[in-house]
C-alpha cells in the first residue's frame, strides 16, 4: 500500500522504481504513457517497460511521463480515503 500512497503523493505520476513495484503487486493497473511525439497510450503496468523499450528502439520518440489515468486516480483516492 505504501507504493500507492507514494504515487498519490506525486499526483499519480510513476517513476521507474515505482513501476517495478506496481508490476509485482498490481500488474493489470492501467497506466498512461505520454510520449514526446506520439499520442498518449494506455497500457497495463506489466507491459509498460516493454512498450517503452520497443518504441524507443524503433523510432526517435521518448517517454515524457507515465501516470495513472485521472479517472482511476480519483477512484483510487476515494477507495483509500485520501483527500
C-alpha atoms as a PDB file:
ATOM      1  CA  UNK A   1       0.000   0.000   0.000  1.00  0.00           C
ATOM      2  CA  UNK A   2       2.951   2.339   0.530  1.00  0.00           C
ATOM      3  CA  UNK A   3       3.596   2.362  -3.200  1.00  0.00           C
ATOM      4  CA  UNK A   4       0.066   3.604  -3.868  1.00  0.00           C
ATOM      5  CA  UNK A   5       0.440   6.370  -1.285  1.00  0.00           C
ATOM      6  CA  UNK A   6       3.773   7.417  -2.808  1.00  0.00           C
ATOM      7  CA  UNK A   7       2.218   7.597  -6.275  1.00  0.00           C
ATOM      8  CA  UNK A   8      -0.758   9.567  -4.964  1.00  0.00           C
ATOM      9  CA  UNK A   9       1.615  11.980  -3.218  1.00  0.00           C
ATOM     10  CA  UNK A  10       3.141  12.622  -6.668  1.00  0.00           C
ATOM     11  CA  UNK A  11      -0.261  13.289  -8.298  1.00  0.00           C
ATOM     12  CA  UNK A  12      -0.382   9.880  -9.984  1.00  0.00           C
ATOM     13  CA  UNK A  13       2.976  10.033 -11.743  1.00  0.00           C
ATOM     14  CA  UNK A  14       5.004   6.812 -11.716  1.00  0.00           C
ATOM     15  CA  UNK A  15       8.804   6.578 -11.848  1.00  0.00           C
ATOM     16  CA  UNK A  16      10.803   3.541 -12.958  1.00  0.00           C
ATOM     17  CA  UNK A  17      11.311   2.191  -9.424  1.00  0.00           C
ATOM     18  CA  UNK A  18       7.616   2.514  -8.606  1.00  0.00           C
ATOM     19  CA  UNK A  19       6.772   0.822 -11.896  1.00  0.00           C
ATOM     20  CA  UNK A  20       8.761  -2.263 -10.862  1.00  0.00           C
ATOM     21  CA  UNK A  21       6.755  -2.496  -7.660  1.00  0.00           C
ATOM     22  CA  UNK A  22       3.448  -1.938  -9.466  1.00  0.00           C
ATOM     23  CA  UNK A  23       4.288  -4.745 -11.877  1.00  0.00           C
ATOM     24  CA  UNK A  24       4.907  -7.040  -8.927  1.00  0.00           C
ATOM     25  CA  UNK A  25       1.757  -6.164  -6.943  1.00  0.00           C
ATOM     26  CA  UNK A  26      -0.673  -4.632  -9.473  1.00  0.00           C
ATOM     27  CA  UNK A  27       0.348  -5.890 -12.938  1.00  0.00           C
ATOM     28  CA  UNK A  28      -3.006  -5.057 -14.557  1.00  0.00           C
ATOM     29  CA  UNK A  29      -3.139  -1.449 -13.344  1.00  0.00           C
ATOM     30  CA  UNK A  30      -3.787   0.712 -16.407  1.00  0.00           C
ATOM     31  CA  UNK A  31      -1.158   3.411 -16.865  1.00  0.00           C
ATOM     32  CA  UNK A  32      -0.826   6.152 -19.446  1.00  0.00           C
ATOM     33  CA  UNK A  33       2.438   6.568 -21.342  1.00  0.00           C
ATOM     34  CA  UNK A  34       2.904  10.141 -22.542  1.00  0.00           C
ATOM     35  CA  UNK A  35       5.286  10.183 -25.485  1.00  0.00           C
ATOM     36  CA  UNK A  36       7.305  13.054 -26.850  1.00  0.00           C
ATOM     37  CA  UNK A  37       5.764  12.836 -30.331  1.00  0.00           C
ATOM     38  CA  UNK A  38       3.123  10.096 -30.334  1.00  0.00           C
ATOM     39  CA  UNK A  39      -0.378  10.042 -28.927  1.00  0.00           C
ATOM     40  CA  UNK A  40      -0.765   9.046 -25.300  1.00  0.00           C
ATOM     41  CA  UNK A  41      -1.089   5.315 -24.870  1.00  0.00           C
ATOM     42  CA  UNK A  42      -2.959   3.287 -22.242  1.00  0.00           C
ATOM     43  CA  UNK A  43      -1.072   0.160 -21.175  1.00  0.00           C
ATOM     44  CA  UNK A  44      -1.179  -2.319 -18.279  1.00  0.00           C
ATOM     45  CA  UNK A  45       1.690  -1.834 -15.825  1.00  0.00           C
ATOM     46  CA  UNK A  46       3.225  -5.208 -16.704  1.00  0.00           C
ATOM     47  CA  UNK A  47       3.677  -4.124 -20.343  1.00  0.00           C
ATOM     48  CA  UNK A  48       4.865  -0.518 -19.854  1.00  0.00           C
ATOM     49  CA  UNK A  49       8.639  -1.129 -19.700  1.00  0.00           C
ATOM     50  CA  UNK A  50       8.490  -3.478 -22.690  1.00  0.00           C
ATOM     51  CA  UNK A  51       6.421  -0.990 -24.697  1.00  0.00           C
ATOM     52  CA  UNK A  52       8.785   1.876 -23.904  1.00  0.00           C
ATOM     53  CA  UNK A  53      11.806  -0.178 -24.994  1.00  0.00           C
ATOM     54  CA  UNK A  54      10.023  -1.222 -28.190  1.00  0.00           C
ATOM     55  CA  UNK A  55       9.059   2.321 -29.227  1.00  0.00           C
ATOM     56  CA  UNK A  56      12.446   3.814 -28.348  1.00  0.00           C
ATOM     57  CA  UNK A  57      14.200   1.093 -30.372  1.00  0.00           C
ATOM     58  CA  UNK A  58      12.099   1.640 -33.490  1.00  0.00           C
ATOM     59  CA  UNK A  59      11.983   5.440 -33.507  1.00  0.00           C
ATOM     60  CA  UNK A  60      13.431   8.638 -32.078  1.00  0.00           C
ATOM     61  CA  UNK A  61      10.466   9.048 -29.749  1.00  0.00           C
ATOM     62  CA  UNK A  62      10.888   9.154 -25.987  1.00  0.00           C
ATOM     63  CA  UNK A  63       8.771   8.953 -22.834  1.00  0.00           C
ATOM     64  CA  UNK A  64       7.824  12.197 -21.162  1.00  0.00           C
ATOM     65  CA  UNK A  65       5.994  10.604 -18.244  1.00  0.00           C
ATOM     66  CA  UNK A  66       3.979   7.627 -17.052  1.00  0.00           C
ATOM     67  CA  UNK A  67       0.946   8.164 -14.854  1.00  0.00           C
ATOM     68  CA  UNK A  68      -2.335   6.758 -13.602  1.00  0.00           C
ATOM     69  CA  UNK A  69      -5.292   7.828 -15.713  1.00  0.00           C
ATOM     70  CA  UNK A  70      -7.168  10.638 -13.910  1.00  0.00           C
ATOM     71  CA  UNK A  71     -10.408   8.658 -13.634  1.00  0.00           C
ATOM     72  CA  UNK A  72      -8.592   5.738 -11.990  1.00  0.00           C
ATOM     73  CA  UNK A  73      -6.577   8.120  -9.825  1.00  0.00           C
ATOM     74  CA  UNK A  74      -9.768   9.704  -8.445  1.00  0.00           C
ATOM     75  CA  UNK A  75     -11.284   6.259  -7.794  1.00  0.00           C
ATOM     76  CA  UNK A  76      -8.146   5.112  -6.002  1.00  0.00           C
ATOM     77  CA  UNK A  77      -8.133   8.203  -3.799  1.00  0.00           C
ATOM     78  CA  UNK A  78     -11.787   7.661  -2.985  1.00  0.00           C
ATOM     79  CA  UNK A  79     -11.331   3.995  -2.090  1.00  0.00           C
ATOM     80  CA  UNK A  80      -8.330   4.741   0.100  1.00  0.00           C
ATOM     81  CA  UNK A  81      -9.983   7.784   1.682  1.00  0.00           C
ATOM     82  CA  UNK A  82      -7.275  10.206   0.604  1.00  0.00           C
ATOM     83  CA  UNK A  83      -8.265  13.847   0.154  1.00  0.00           C
END
